[in-house]
Amino acid sequence: MKIRIKDSSIRFRLSSSDIKKLHKKGKVSSECRFGSSSAFKYSVTSNSKANPDYLCVDMKKNHIKVELSSIDVKEWYKTDLEGFDAEMDNGTEAGLYVLIEKDWKCLKPRDEDESDLYPNPNE
């Protein structure tokens, strides 16, 4: 799983194995360590009680947590649905934009293993 943050926008990109794990196990998570006692964590979870009409995002103690309904996760896993997005109130006029999507292979070759990524629809 990868994330990209720019101002009040955050984008999560999940590989095919990430989405399979989310569907089967209910959670996928990653972290970036800043030393032995400091880490930035991010996770996406599936919850059977979550409302399919809403995307829930929260940040506590250097951990960004996204919660999707298990109904949405199942559809995402079994279909060509690209992902989910939401505009959220964060107490500012601009708000917070959140995008969660399948991670696609790049159109131009890169020195990166893309074997677990989805085929790019523009190929």
PDB file of N, CA and C in Angstrom:
ATOM      1  N   MET A   1       0.851  -1.168   0.000  1.00  0.00           N
ATOM      2  CA  MET A   1       0.000   0.000   0.000  1.00  0.00           C
ATOM      3  C   MET A   1       0.898   1.233   0.000  1.00  0.00           C
ATOM      4  N   LYS A   2       0.486   2.206  -0.781  1.00  0.00           N
ATOM      5  CA  LYS A   2       1.222   3.467  -0.863  1.00  0.00           C
ATOM      6  C   LYS A   2       0.277   4.599  -0.497  1.00  0.00           C
ATOM      7  N   ILE A   3       0.851   5.690  -0.029  1.00  0.00           N
ATOM      8  CA  ILE A   3       0.055   6.893   0.167  1.00  0.00           C
ATOM      9  C   ILE A   3       0.779   8.080  -0.446  1.00  0.00           C
ATOM     10  N   ARG A   4      -0.010   9.054  -0.833  1.00  0.00           N
ATOM     11  CA  ARG A   4       0.525  10.332  -1.319  1.00  0.00           C
ATOM     12  C   ARG A   4      -0.271  11.419  -0.616  1.00  0.00           C
ATOM     13  N   ILE A   5       0.431  12.354  -0.007  1.00  0.00           N
ATOM     14  CA  ILE A   5      -0.216  13.446   0.715  1.00  0.00           C
ATOM     15  C   ILE A   5       0.230  14.765   0.099  1.00  0.00           C
ATOM     16  N   LYS A   6      -0.731  15.615  -0.193  1.00  0.00           N
ATOM     17  CA  LYS A   6      -0.447  16.966  -0.666  1.00  0.00           C
ATOM     18  C   LYS A   6      -1.482  17.883  -0.046  1.00  0.00           C
ATOM     19  N   ASP A   7      -0.999  18.814   0.764  1.00  0.00           N
ATOM     20  CA  ASP A   7      -1.887  19.745   1.460  1.00  0.00           C
ATOM     21  C   ASP A   7      -3.009  18.973   2.154  1.00  0.00           C
ATOM     22  N   SER A   8      -4.266  19.290   1.861  1.00  0.00           N
ATOM     23  CA  SER A   8      -5.397  18.612   2.504  1.00  0.00           C
ATOM     24  C   SER A   8      -5.997  17.554   1.587  1.00  0.00           C
ATOM     25  N   SER A   9      -5.109  16.772   0.999  1.00  0.00           N
ATOM     26  CA  SER A   9      -5.516  15.687   0.122  1.00  0.00           C
ATOM     27  C   SER A   9      -4.648  14.475   0.422  1.00  0.00           C
ATOM     28  N   ILE A  10      -5.278  13.325   0.542  1.00  0.00           N
ATOM     29  CA  ILE A  10      -4.521  12.097   0.792  1.00  0.00           C
ATOM     30  C   ILE A  10      -5.044  11.008  -0.133  1.00  0.00           C
ATOM     31  N   ARG A  11      -4.105  10.278  -0.734  1.00  0.00           N
ATOM     32  CA  ARG A  11      -4.433   9.255  -1.724  1.00  0.00           C
ATOM     33  C   ARG A  11      -3.788   7.938  -1.304  1.00  0.00           C
ATOM     34  N   PHE A  12      -4.598   6.911  -1.178  1.00  0.00           N
ATOM     35  CA  PHE A  12      -4.128   5.566  -0.856  1.00  0.00           C
ATOM     36  C   PHE A  12      -4.184   4.732  -2.127  1.00  0.00           C
ATOM     37  N   ARG A  13      -3.119   3.992  -2.415  1.00  0.00           N
ATOM     38  CA  ARG A  13      -3.096   3.111  -3.589  1.00  0.00           C
ATOM     39  C   ARG A  13      -2.783   1.701  -3.111  1.00  0.00           C
ATOM     40  N   LEU A  14      -3.693   0.781  -3.401  1.00  0.00           N
ATOM     41  CA  LEU A  14      -3.558  -0.597  -2.938  1.00  0.00           C
ATOM     42  C   LEU A  14      -3.315  -1.546  -4.102  1.00  0.00           C
ATOM     43  N   SER A  15      -2.358  -2.442  -3.919  1.00  0.00           N
ATOM     44  CA  SER A  15      -2.048  -3.463  -4.922  1.00  0.00           C
ATOM     45  C   SER A  15      -3.115  -4.544  -4.884  1.00  0.00           C
ATOM     46  N   SER A  16      -3.043  -5.467  -5.829  1.00  0.00           N
ATOM     47  CA  SER A  16      -4.036  -6.548  -5.856  1.00  0.00           C
ATOM     48  C   SER A  16      -3.940  -7.426  -4.603  1.00  0.00           C
ATOM     49  N   SER A  17      -2.745  -7.689  -4.114  1.00  0.00           N
ATOM     50  CA  SER A  17      -2.631  -8.497  -2.887  1.00  0.00           C
ATOM     51  C   SER A  17      -3.111  -7.725  -1.660  1.00  0.00           C
ATOM     52  N   ASP A  18      -2.947  -6.389  -1.655  1.00  0.00           N
ATOM     53  CA  ASP A  18      -3.477  -5.575  -0.556  1.00  0.00           C
ATOM     54  C   ASP A  18      -4.999  -5.687  -0.494  1.00  0.00           C
ATOM     55  N   ILE A  19      -5.649  -5.570  -1.648  1.00  0.00           N
ATOM     56  CA  ILE A  19      -7.115  -5.620  -1.690  1.00  0.00           C
ATOM     57  C   ILE A  19      -7.611  -7.025  -1.368  1.00  0.00           C
ATOM     58  N   LYS A  20      -6.892  -8.043  -1.817  1.00  0.00           N
ATOM     59  CA  LYS A  20      -7.262  -9.421  -1.466  1.00  0.00           C
ATOM     60  C   LYS A  20      -7.164  -9.625   0.048  1.00  0.00           C
ATOM     61  N   LYS A  21      -6.083  -9.134   0.656  1.00  0.00           N
ATOM     62  CA  LYS A  21      -5.903  -9.253   2.105  1.00  0.00           C
ATOM     63  C   LYS A  21      -6.996  -8.487   2.850  1.00  0.00           C
ATOM     64  N   LEU A  22      -7.319  -7.283   2.369  1.00  0.00           N
ATOM     65  CA  LEU A  22      -8.375  -6.492   2.984  1.00  0.00           C
ATOM     66  C   LEU A  22      -9.705  -7.248   2.935  1.00  0.00           C
ATOM     67  N   HIS A  23      -9.996  -7.868   1.810  1.00  0.00           N
ATOM     68  CA  HIS A  23     -11.241  -8.630   1.651  1.00  0.00           C
ATOM     69  C   HIS A  23     -11.255  -9.883   2.534  1.00  0.00           C
ATOM     70  N   LYS A  24     -10.158 -10.616   2.559  1.00  0.00           N
ATOM     71  CA  LYS A  24     -10.107 -11.894   3.288  1.00  0.00           C
ATOM     72  C   LYS A  24      -9.879 -11.723   4.789  1.00  0.00           C
ATOM     73  N   LYS A  25      -8.981 -10.782   5.167  1.00  0.00           N
ATOM     74  CA  LYS A  25      -8.580 -10.632   6.576  1.00  0.00           C
ATOM     75  C   LYS A  25      -9.199  -9.422   7.266  1.00  0.00           C
ATOM     76  N   GLY A  26      -9.696  -8.451   6.469  1.00  0.00           N
ATOM     77  CA  GLY A  26     -10.335  -7.282   7.062  1.00  0.00           C
ATOM     78  C   GLY A  26      -9.430  -6.104   7.351  1.00  0.00           C
ATOM     79  N   LYS A  27      -8.120  -6.236   7.051  1.00  0.00           N
ATOM     80  CA  LYS A  27      -7.213  -5.124   7.343  1.00  0.00           C
ATOM     81  C   LYS A  27      -5.936  -5.243   6.533  1.00  0.00           C
ATOM     82  N   VAL A  28      -5.446  -4.097   6.091  1.00  0.00           N
ATOM     83  CA  VAL A  28      -4.126  -4.003   5.481  1.00  0.00           C
ATOM     84  C   VAL A  28      -3.463  -2.769   6.092  1.00  0.00           C
ATOM     85  N   SER A  29      -2.186  -2.879   6.436  1.00  0.00           N
ATOM     86  CA  SER A  29      -1.518  -1.754   7.082  1.00  0.00           C
ATOM     87  C   SER A  29      -0.058  -1.666   6.651  1.00  0.00           C
ATOM     88  N   SER A  30       0.488  -0.465   6.797  1.00  0.00           N
ATOM     89  CA  SER A  30       1.893  -0.207   6.492  1.00  0.00           C
ATOM     90  C   SER A  30       2.432   0.809   7.484  1.00  0.00           C
ATOM     91  N   GLU A  31       3.748   0.922   7.504  1.00  0.00           N
ATOM     92  CA  GLU A  31       4.354   1.931   8.358  1.00  0.00           C
ATOM     93  C   GLU A  31       5.681   2.386   7.786  1.00  0.00           C
ATOM     94  N   CYS A  32       6.038   3.595   8.136  1.00  0.00           N
ATOM     95  CA  CYS A  32       7.329   4.173   7.780  1.00  0.00           C
ATOM     96  C   CYS A  32       8.035   4.508   9.087  1.00  0.00           C
ATOM     97  N   ARG A  33       9.145   3.841   9.347  1.00  0.00           N
ATOM     98  CA  ARG A  33       9.868   4.029  10.614  1.00  0.00           C
ATOM     99  C   ARG A  33      10.810   5.225  10.521  1.00  0.00           C
ATOM    100  N   PHE A  34      10.830   6.007  11.574  1.00  0.00           N
ATOM    101  CA  PHE A  34      11.708   7.170  11.685  1.00  0.00           C
ATOM    102  C   PHE A  34      12.715   6.952  12.804  1.00  0.00           C
ATOM    103  N   GLY A  35      13.109   5.742  13.016  1.00  0.00           N
ATOM    104  CA  GLY A  35      14.003   5.386  14.109  1.00  0.00           C
ATOM    105  C   GLY A  35      13.362   4.284  14.925  1.00  0.00           C
ATOM    106  N   SER A  36      14.037   3.857  15.962  1.00  0.00           N
ATOM    107  CA  SER A  36      13.565   2.711  16.737  1.00  0.00           C
ATOM    108  C   SER A  36      12.304   3.001  17.545  1.00  0.00           C
ATOM    109  N   SER A  37      12.014   4.278  17.818  1.00  0.00           N
ATOM    110  CA  SER A  37      10.854   4.565  18.660  1.00  0.00           C
ATOM    111  C   SER A  37       9.806   5.453  17.996  1.00  0.00           C
ATOM    112  N   SER A  38       9.927   5.673  16.694  1.00  0.00           N
ATOM    113  CA  SER A  38       8.984   6.555  16.027  1.00  0.00           C
ATOM    114  C   SER A  38       8.578   5.979  14.671  1.00  0.00           C
ATOM    115  N   ALA A  39       7.264   5.958  14.412  1.00  0.00           N
ATOM    116  CA  ALA A  39       6.764   5.427  13.142  1.00  0.00           C
ATOM    117  C   ALA A  39       5.506   6.173  12.725  1.00  0.00           C
ATOM    118  N   PHE A  40       5.334   6.311  11.422  1.00  0.00           N
ATOM    119  CA  PHE A  40       4.108   6.826  10.832  1.00  0.00           C
ATOM    120  C   PHE A  40       3.377   5.618  10.262  1.00  0.00           C
ATOM    121  N   LYS A  41       2.153   5.373  10.707  1.00  0.00           N
ATOM    122  CA  LYS A  41       1.400   4.186  10.301  1.00  0.00           C
ATOM    123  C   LYS A  41       0.153   4.594   9.526  1.00  0.00           C
ATOM    124  N   TYR A  42      -0.273   3.703   8.644  1.00  0.00           N
ATOM    125  CA  TYR A  42      -1.519   3.917   7.919  1.00  0.00           C
ATOM    126  C   TYR A  42      -2.146   2.567   7.629  1.00  0.00           C
ATOM    127  N   SER A  43      -3.480   2.533   7.722  1.00  0.00           N
ATOM    128  CA  SER A  43      -4.179   1.266   7.540  1.00  0.00           C
ATOM    129  C   SER A  43      -5.562   1.491   6.933  1.00  0.00           C
ATOM    130  N   VAL A  44      -6.039   0.445   6.276  1.00  0.00           N
ATOM    131  CA  VAL A  44      -7.397   0.412   5.746  1.00  0.00           C
ATOM    132  C   VAL A  44      -8.046  -0.850   6.315  1.00  0.00           C
ATOM    133  N   THR A  45      -9.233  -0.682   6.878  1.00  0.00           N
ATOM    134  CA  THR A  45      -9.944  -1.816   7.454  1.00  0.00           C
ATOM    135  C   THR A  45     -11.324  -1.960   6.816  1.00  0.00           C
ATOM    136  N   SER A  46     -11.842  -3.167   6.920  1.00  0.00           N
ATOM    137  CA  SER A  46     -13.177  -3.502   6.442  1.00  0.00           C
ATOM    138  C   SER A  46     -14.045  -3.770   7.657  1.00  0.00           C
ATOM    139  N   ASN A  47     -15.255  -3.177   7.670  1.00  0.00           N
ATOM    140  CA  ASN A  47     -16.131  -3.340   8.821  1.00  0.00           C
ATOM    141  C   ASN A  47     -17.547  -3.650   8.338  1.00  0.00           C
ATOM    142  N   SER A  48     -18.102  -4.738   8.824  1.00  0.00           N
ATOM    143  CA  SER A  48     -19.445  -5.142   8.396  1.00  0.00           C
ATOM    144  C   SER A  48     -20.520  -4.181   8.895  1.00  0.00           C
ATOM    145  N   LYS A  49     -20.211  -3.386   9.913  1.00  0.00           N
ATOM    146  CA  LYS A  49     -21.189  -2.446  10.464  1.00  0.00           C
ATOM    147  C   LYS A  49     -21.050  -1.045   9.879  1.00  0.00           C
ATOM    148  N   ALA A  50     -20.022  -0.829   9.051  1.00  0.00           N
ATOM    149  CA  ALA A  50     -19.807   0.501   8.465  1.00  0.00           C
ATOM    150  C   ALA A  50     -20.841   0.772   7.378  1.00  0.00           C
ATOM    151  N   ASN A  51     -21.232   2.016   7.255  1.00  0.00           N
ATOM    152  CA  ASN A  51     -22.203   2.444   6.261  1.00  0.00           C
ATOM    153  C   ASN A  51     -21.536   2.508   4.888  1.00  0.00           C
ATOM    154  N   PRO A  52     -22.063   1.807   3.882  1.00  0.00           N
ATOM    155  CA  PRO A  52     -21.453   1.824   2.543  1.00  0.00           C
ATOM    156  C   PRO A  52     -21.470   3.207   1.883  1.00  0.00           C
ATOM    157  N   ASP A  53     -22.278   4.120   2.395  1.00  0.00           N
ATOM    158  CA  ASP A  53     -22.362   5.455   1.808  1.00  0.00           C
ATOM    159  C   ASP A  53     -21.295   6.410   2.343  1.00  0.00           C
ATOM    160  N   TYR A  54     -20.515   5.972   3.313  1.00  0.00           N
ATOM    161  CA  TYR A  54     -19.526   6.852   3.930  1.00  0.00           C
ATOM    162  C   TYR A  54     -18.154   6.199   3.998  1.00  0.00           C
ATOM    163  N   LEU A  55     -17.155   7.035   3.929  1.00  0.00           N
ATOM    164  CA  LEU A  55     -15.768   6.631   4.090  1.00  0.00           C
ATOM    165  C   LEU A  55     -15.320   7.265   5.399  1.00  0.00           C
ATOM    166  N   CYS A  56     -14.809   6.510   6.307  1.00  0.00           N
ATOM    167  CA  CYS A  56     -14.406   7.030   7.613  1.00  0.00           C
ATOM    168  C   CYS A  56     -12.874   7.090   7.681  1.00  0.00           C
ATOM    169  N   VAL A  57     -12.342   8.275   7.988  1.00  0.00           N
ATOM    170  CA  VAL A  57     -10.894   8.466   8.109  1.00  0.00           C
ATOM    171  C   VAL A  57     -10.615   9.166   9.427  1.00  0.00           C
ATOM    172  N   ASP A  58      -9.610   8.673  10.135  1.00  0.00           N
ATOM    173  CA  ASP A  58      -9.247   9.257  11.419  1.00  0.00           C
ATOM    174  C   ASP A  58      -7.733   9.191  11.584  1.00  0.00           C
ATOM    175  N   MET A  59      -7.170  10.123  12.329  1.00  0.00           N
ATOM    176  CA  MET A  59      -5.737  10.086  12.621  1.00  0.00           C
ATOM    177  C   MET A  59      -5.526  10.296  14.109  1.00  0.00           C
ATOM    178  N   LYS A  60      -4.849   9.336  14.715  1.00  0.00           N
ATOM    179  CA  LYS A  60      -4.500   9.405  16.129  1.00  0.00           C
ATOM    180  C   LYS A  60      -3.103   8.828  16.309  1.00  0.00           C
ATOM    181  N   LYS A  61      -2.299   9.514  17.073  1.00  0.00           N
ATOM    182  CA  LYS A  61      -0.957   9.030  17.422  1.00  0.00           C
ATOM    183  C   LYS A  61      -0.169   8.550  16.205  1.00  0.00           C
ATOM    184  N   ASN A  62      -0.027   9.414  15.185  1.00  0.00           N
ATOM    185  CA  ASN A  62       0.757   9.100  13.982  1.00  0.00           C
ATOM    186  C   ASN A  62       0.226   7.915  13.192  1.00  0.00           C
ATOM    187  N   HIS A  63      -1.081   7.669  13.277  1.00  0.00           N
ATOM    188  CA  HIS A  63      -1.693   6.541  12.566  1.00  0.00           C
ATOM    189  C   HIS A  63      -2.949   7.017  11.842  1.00  0.00           C
ATOM    190  N   ILE A  64      -2.919   6.970  10.511  1.00  0.00           N
ATOM    191  CA  ILE A  64      -4.094   7.296   9.714  1.00  0.00           C
ATOM    192  C   ILE A  64      -4.867   6.004   9.487  1.00  0.00           C
ATOM    193  N   LYS A  65      -6.136   6.010   9.902  1.00  0.00           N
ATOM    194  CA  LYS A  65      -6.980   4.828   9.781  1.00  0.00           C
ATOM    195  C   LYS A  65      -8.155   5.142   8.867  1.00  0.00           C
ATOM    196  N   VAL A  66      -8.332   4.287   7.858  1.00  0.00           N
ATOM    197  CA  VAL A  66      -9.460   4.397   6.939  1.00  0.00           C
ATOM    198  C   VAL A  66     -10.336   3.172   7.151  1.00  0.00           C
ATOM    199  N   GLU A  67     -11.646   3.407   7.206  1.00  0.00           N
ATOM    200  CA  GLU A  67     -12.578   2.296   7.374  1.00  0.00           C
ATOM    201  C   GLU A  67     -13.574   2.300   6.223  1.00  0.00           C
ATOM    202  N   LEU A  68     -13.699   1.150   5.577  1.00  0.00           N
ATOM    203  CA  LEU A  68     -14.660   0.948   4.495  1.00  0.00           C
ATOM    204  C   LEU A  68     -15.663  -0.114   4.925  1.00  0.00           C
ATOM    205  N   SER A  69     -16.833  -0.078   4.340  1.00  0.00           N
ATOM    206  CA  SER A  69     -17.802  -1.134   4.640  1.00  0.00           C
ATOM    207  C   SER A  69     -17.344  -2.430   3.971  1.00  0.00           C
ATOM    208  N   SER A  70     -17.657  -3.547   4.584  1.00  0.00           N
ATOM    209  CA  SER A  70     -17.287  -4.838   4.001  1.00  0.00           C
ATOM    210  C   SER A  70     -18.020  -5.063   2.678  1.00  0.00           C
ATOM    211  N   ILE A  71     -19.189  -4.467   2.517  1.00  0.00           N
ATOM    212  CA  ILE A  71     -19.924  -4.552   1.250  1.00  0.00           C
ATOM    213  C   ILE A  71     -19.118  -3.894   0.135  1.00  0.00           C
ATOM    214  N   ASP A  72     -18.587  -2.683   0.404  1.00  0.00           N
ATOM    215  CA  ASP A  72     -17.768  -1.973  -0.580  1.00  0.00           C
ATOM    216  C   ASP A  72     -16.480  -2.726  -0.886  1.00  0.00           C
ATOM    217  N   VAL A  73     -15.845  -3.271   0.137  1.00  0.00           N
ATOM    218  CA  VAL A  73     -14.591  -4.008  -0.056  1.00  0.00           C
ATOM    219  C   VAL A  73     -14.826  -5.232  -0.927  1.00  0.00           C
ATOM    220  N   LYS A  74     -15.913  -5.947  -0.693  1.00  0.00           N
ATOM    221  CA  LYS A  74     -16.229  -7.135  -1.496  1.00  0.00           C
ATOM    222  C   LYS A  74     -16.429  -6.745  -2.961  1.00  0.00           C
ATOM    223  N   GLU A  75     -17.181  -5.683  -3.206  1.00  0.00           N
ATOM    224  CA  GLU A  75     -17.404  -5.230  -4.582  1.00  0.00           C
ATOM    225  C   GLU A  75     -16.087  -4.802  -5.225  1.00  0.00           C
ATOM    226  N   TRP A  76     -15.252  -4.090  -4.471  1.00  0.00           N
ATOM    227  CA  TRP A  76     -13.950  -3.620  -4.965  1.00  0.00           C
ATOM    228  C   TRP A  76     -13.071  -4.799  -5.360  1.00  0.00           C
ATOM    229  N   TYR A  77     -13.061  -5.836  -4.535  1.00  0.00           N
ATOM    230  CA  TYR A  77     -12.242  -7.020  -4.765  1.00  0.00           C
ATOM    231  C   TYR A  77     -12.735  -7.828  -5.972  1.00  0.00           C
ATOM    232  N   LYS A  78     -14.028  -7.950  -6.129  1.00  0.00           N
ATOM    233  CA  LYS A  78     -14.600  -8.840  -7.137  1.00  0.00           C
ATOM    234  C   LYS A  78     -14.900  -8.182  -8.485  1.00  0.00           C
ATOM    235  N   THR A  79     -14.805  -6.850  -8.575  1.00  0.00           N
ATOM    236  CA  THR A  79     -15.157  -6.162  -9.818  1.00  0.00           C
ATOM    237  C   THR A  79     -14.003  -5.268 -10.281  1.00  0.00           C
ATOM    238  N   ASP A  80     -14.252  -4.535 -11.354  1.00  0.00           N
ATOM    239  CA  ASP A  80     -13.239  -3.597 -11.856  1.00  0.00           C
ATOM    240  C   ASP A  80     -13.415  -2.197 -11.274  1.00  0.00           C
ATOM    241  N   LEU A  81     -14.181  -2.075 -10.207  1.00  0.00           N
ATOM    242  CA  LEU A  81     -14.347  -0.800  -9.515  1.00  0.00           C
ATOM    243  C   LEU A  81     -12.973  -0.235  -9.170  1.00  0.00           C
ATOM    244  N   GLU A  82     -12.725   1.025  -9.533  1.00  0.00           N
ATOM    245  CA  GLU A  82     -11.406   1.629  -9.331  1.00  0.00           C
ATOM    246  C   GLU A  82     -11.127   1.986  -7.875  1.00  0.00           C
ATOM    247  N   GLY A  83     -12.135   2.489  -7.162  1.00  0.00           N
ATOM    248  CA  GLY A  83     -11.906   2.870  -5.779  1.00  0.00           C
ATOM    249  C   GLY A  83     -13.008   3.755  -5.239  1.00  0.00           C
ATOM    250  N   PHE A  84     -12.658   4.536  -4.221  1.00  0.00           N
ATOM    251  CA  PHE A  84     -13.610   5.365  -3.498  1.00  0.00           C
ATOM    252  C   PHE A  84     -12.971   6.714  -3.203  1.00  0.00           C
ATOM    253  N   ASP A  85     -13.806   7.752  -3.127  1.00  0.00           N
ATOM    254  CA  ASP A  85     -13.295   9.040  -2.702  1.00  0.00           C
ATOM    255  C   ASP A  85     -14.352   9.759  -1.881  1.00  0.00           C
ATOM    256  N   ALA A  86     -13.898  10.742  -1.119  1.00  0.00           N
ATOM    257  CA  ALA A  86     -14.810  11.500  -0.268  1.00  0.00           C
ATOM    258  C   ALA A  86     -14.196  12.847   0.063  1.00  0.00           C
ATOM    259  N   GLU A  87     -15.053  13.832   0.214  1.00  0.00           N
ATOM    260  CA  GLU A  87     -14.679  15.139   0.755  1.00  0.00           C
ATOM    261  C   GLU A  87     -15.136  15.123   2.203  1.00  0.00           C
ATOM    262  N   MET A  88     -14.236  15.451   3.113  1.00  0.00           N
ATOM    263  CA  MET A  88     -14.575  15.380   4.529  1.00  0.00           C
ATOM    264  C   MET A  88     -14.372  16.724   5.208  1.00  0.00           C
ATOM    265  N   ASP A  89     -15.192  16.978   6.186  1.00  0.00           N
ATOM    266  CA  ASP A  89     -15.063  18.185   6.986  1.00  0.00           C
ATOM    267  C   ASP A  89     -13.902  17.985   7.955  1.00  0.00           C
ATOM    268  N   ASN A  90     -12.949  18.898   7.904  1.00  0.00           N
ATOM    269  CA  ASN A  90     -11.824  18.831   8.847  1.00  0.00           C
ATOM    270  C   ASN A  90     -11.701  20.114   9.652  1.00  0.00           C
ATOM    271  N   GLY A  91     -12.775  20.896   9.668  1.00  0.00           N
ATOM    272  CA  GLY A  91     -12.775  22.135  10.429  1.00  0.00           C
ATOM    273  C   GLY A  91     -12.224  23.331   9.672  1.00  0.00           C
ATOM    274  N   THR A  92     -11.842  23.123   8.402  1.00  0.00           N
ATOM    275  CA  THR A  92     -11.357  24.228   7.586  1.00  0.00           C
ATOM    276  C   THR A  92     -12.294  24.402   6.395  1.00  0.00           C
ATOM    277  N   GLU A  93     -12.173  25.547   5.731  1.00  0.00           N
ATOM    278  CA  GLU A  93     -13.021  25.794   4.570  1.00  0.00           C
ATOM    279  C   GLU A  93     -12.740  24.809   3.439  1.00  0.00           C
ATOM    280  N   ALA A  94     -11.476  24.437   3.266  1.00  0.00           N
ATOM    281  CA  ALA A  94     -11.089  23.544   2.169  1.00  0.00           C
ATOM    282  C   ALA A  94     -11.519  22.100   2.401  1.00  0.00           C
ATOM    283  N   GLY A  95     -11.564  21.662   3.629  1.00  0.00           N
ATOM    284  CA  GLY A  95     -11.896  20.274   3.925  1.00  0.00           C
ATOM    285  C   GLY A  95     -10.736  19.334   3.601  1.00  0.00           C
ATOM    286  N   LEU A  96     -10.999  18.053   3.695  1.00  0.00           N
ATOM    287  CA  LEU A  96     -10.008  17.016   3.427  1.00  0.00           C
ATOM    288  C   LEU A  96     -10.535  16.128   2.314  1.00  0.00           C
ATOM    289  N   TYR A  97      -9.739  15.942   1.266  1.00  0.00           N
ATOM    290  CA  TYR A  97     -10.122  15.048   0.176  1.00  0.00           C
ATOM    291  C   TYR A  97      -9.377  13.734   0.356  1.00  0.00           C
ATOM    292  N   VAL A  98     -10.107  12.617   0.324  1.00  0.00           N
ATOM    293  CA  VAL A  98      -9.525  11.285   0.497  1.00  0.00           C
ATOM    294  C   VAL A  98      -9.871  10.440  -0.721  1.00  0.00           C
ATOM    295  N   LEU A  99      -8.860   9.794  -1.296  1.00  0.00           N
ATOM    296  CA  LEU A  99      -9.037   8.910  -2.441  1.00  0.00           C
ATOM    297  C   LEU A  99      -8.373   7.577  -2.119  1.00  0.00           C
ATOM    298  N   ILE A 100      -9.121   6.490  -2.325  1.00  0.00           N
ATOM    299  CA  ILE A 100      -8.579   5.143  -2.138  1.00  0.00           C
ATOM    300  C   ILE A 100      -8.799   4.424  -3.455  1.00  0.00           C
ATOM    301  N   GLU A 101      -7.708   3.937  -4.069  1.00  0.00           N
ATOM    302  CA  GLU A 101      -7.829   3.363  -5.408  1.00  0.00           C
ATOM    303  C   GLU A 101      -6.904   2.177  -5.611  1.00  0.00           C
ATOM    304  N   LYS A 102      -7.218   1.418  -6.649  1.00  0.00           N
ATOM    305  CA  LYS A 102      -6.349   0.326  -7.059  1.00  0.00           C
ATOM    306  C   LYS A 102      -5.064   0.919  -7.634  1.00  0.00           C
ATOM    307  N   ASP A 103      -3.952   0.269  -7.345  1.00  0.00           N
ATOM    308  CA  ASP A 103      -2.651   0.730  -7.846  1.00  0.00           C
ATOM    309  C   ASP A 103      -2.396   0.067  -9.199  1.00  0.00           C
ATOM    310  N   TRP A 104      -2.229   0.891 -10.233  1.00  0.00           N
ATOM    311  CA  TRP A 104      -2.032   0.398 -11.588  1.00  0.00           C
ATOM    312  C   TRP A 104      -0.572   0.441 -11.995  1.00  0.00           C
ATOM    313  N   LYS A 105      -0.247  -0.415 -12.924  1.00  0.00           N
ATOM    314  CA  LYS A 105       1.081  -0.386 -13.531  1.00  0.00           C
ATOM    315  C   LYS A 105       1.245   0.924 -14.286  1.00  0.00           C
ATOM    316  N   CYS A 106       2.454   1.441 -14.306  1.00  0.00           N
ATOM    317  CA  CYS A 106       2.733   2.675 -15.030  1.00  0.00           C
ATOM    318  C   CYS A 106       2.788   2.398 -16.528  1.00  0.00           C
ATOM    319  N   LEU A 107       2.498   3.401 -17.315  1.00  0.00           N
ATOM    320  CA  LEU A 107       2.537   3.252 -18.773  1.00  0.00           C
ATOM    321  C   LEU A 107       3.968   3.258 -19.299  1.00  0.00           C
ATOM    322  N   LYS A 108       4.866   3.940 -18.582  1.00  0.00           N
ATOM    323  CA  LYS A 108       6.272   3.971 -18.979  1.00  0.00           C
ATOM    324  C   LYS A 108       7.058   3.059 -18.047  1.00  0.00           C
ATOM    325  N   PRO A 109       8.000   2.292 -18.583  1.00  0.00           N
ATOM    326  CA  PRO A 109       8.799   1.387 -17.736  1.00  0.00           C
ATOM    327  C   PRO A 109       9.542   2.146 -16.634  1.00  0.00           C
ATOM    328  N   ARG A 110       9.547   1.551 -15.445  1.00  0.00           N
ATOM    329  CA  ARG A 110      10.279   2.116 -14.305  1.00  0.00           C
ATOM    330  C   ARG A 110      11.080   1.007 -13.650  1.00  0.00           C
ATOM    331  N   ASP A 111      12.051   1.393 -12.883  1.00  0.00           N
ATOM    332  CA  ASP A 111      12.864   0.424 -12.158  1.00  0.00           C
ATOM    333  C   ASP A 111      12.173   0.094 -10.829  1.00  0.00           C
ATOM    334  N   GLU A 112      10.999  -0.539 -10.932  1.00  0.00           N
ATOM    335  CA  GLU A 112      10.204  -0.876  -9.761  1.00  0.00           C
ATOM    336  C   GLU A 112       9.423  -2.150 -10.072  1.00  0.00           C
ATOM    337  N   ASP A 113       9.314  -3.031  -9.099  1.00  0.00           N
ATOM    338  CA  ASP A 113       8.544  -4.257  -9.285  1.00  0.00           C
ATOM    339  C   ASP A 113       7.058  -3.910  -9.321  1.00  0.00           C
ATOM    340  N   GLU A 114       6.419  -4.138 -10.448  1.00  0.00           N
ATOM    341  CA  GLU A 114       4.996  -3.847 -10.600  1.00  0.00           C
ATOM    342  C   GLU A 114       4.176  -5.117 -10.822  1.00  0.00           C
ATOM    343  N   SER A 115       4.748  -6.266 -10.474  1.00  0.00           N
ATOM    344  CA  SER A 115       4.085  -7.544 -10.732  1.00  0.00           C
ATOM    345  C   SER A 115       2.781  -7.717  -9.952  1.00  0.00           C
ATOM    346  N   ASP A 116       2.606  -6.998  -8.838  1.00  0.00           N
ATOM    347  CA  ASP A 116       1.414  -7.134  -8.004  1.00  0.00           C
ATOM    348  C   ASP A 116       0.394  -6.019  -8.284  1.00  0.00           C
ATOM    349  N   LEU A 117       0.667  -5.189  -9.294  1.00  0.00           N
ATOM    350  CA  LEU A 117      -0.217  -4.071  -9.589  1.00  0.00           C
ATOM    351  C   LEU A 117      -1.245  -4.441 -10.656  1.00  0.00           C
ATOM    352  N   TYR A 118      -2.317  -3.706 -10.692  1.00  0.00           N
ATOM    353  CA  TYR A 118      -3.378  -3.947 -11.676  1.00  0.00           C
ATOM    354  C   TYR A 118      -2.940  -3.464 -13.037  1.00  0.00           C
ATOM    355  N   PRO A 119      -3.393  -4.124 -14.112  1.00  0.00           N
ATOM    356  CA  PRO A 119      -3.081  -3.647 -15.452  1.00  0.00           C
ATOM    357  C   PRO A 119      -3.642  -2.238 -15.657  1.00  0.00           C
ATOM    358  N   ASN A 120      -2.871  -1.385 -16.250  1.00  0.00           N
ATOM    359  CA  ASN A 120      -3.316  -0.013 -16.497  1.00  0.00           C
ATOM    360  C   ASN A 120      -4.418  -0.026 -17.559  1.00  0.00           C
ATOM    361  N   PRO A 121      -5.559   0.604 -17.269  1.00  0.00           N
ATOM    362  CA  PRO A 121      -6.658   0.597 -18.246  1.00  0.00           C
ATOM    363  C   PRO A 121      -6.333   1.356 -19.530  1.00  0.00           C
ATOM    364  N   ASN A 122      -5.279   2.146 -19.538  1.00  0.00           N
ATOM    365  CA  ASN A 122      -4.881   2.895 -20.723  1.00  0.00           C
ATOM    366  C   ASN A 122      -3.854   2.149 -21.574  1.00  0.00           C
ATOM    367  N   GLU A 123      -3.517   0.918 -21.186  1.00  0.00           N
ATOM    368  CA  GLU A 123      -2.549   0.115 -21.978  1.00  0.00           C
ATOM    369  C   GLU A 123      -3.169  -0.303 -23.288  1.00  0.00           C
TER     370      GLU A 123
END
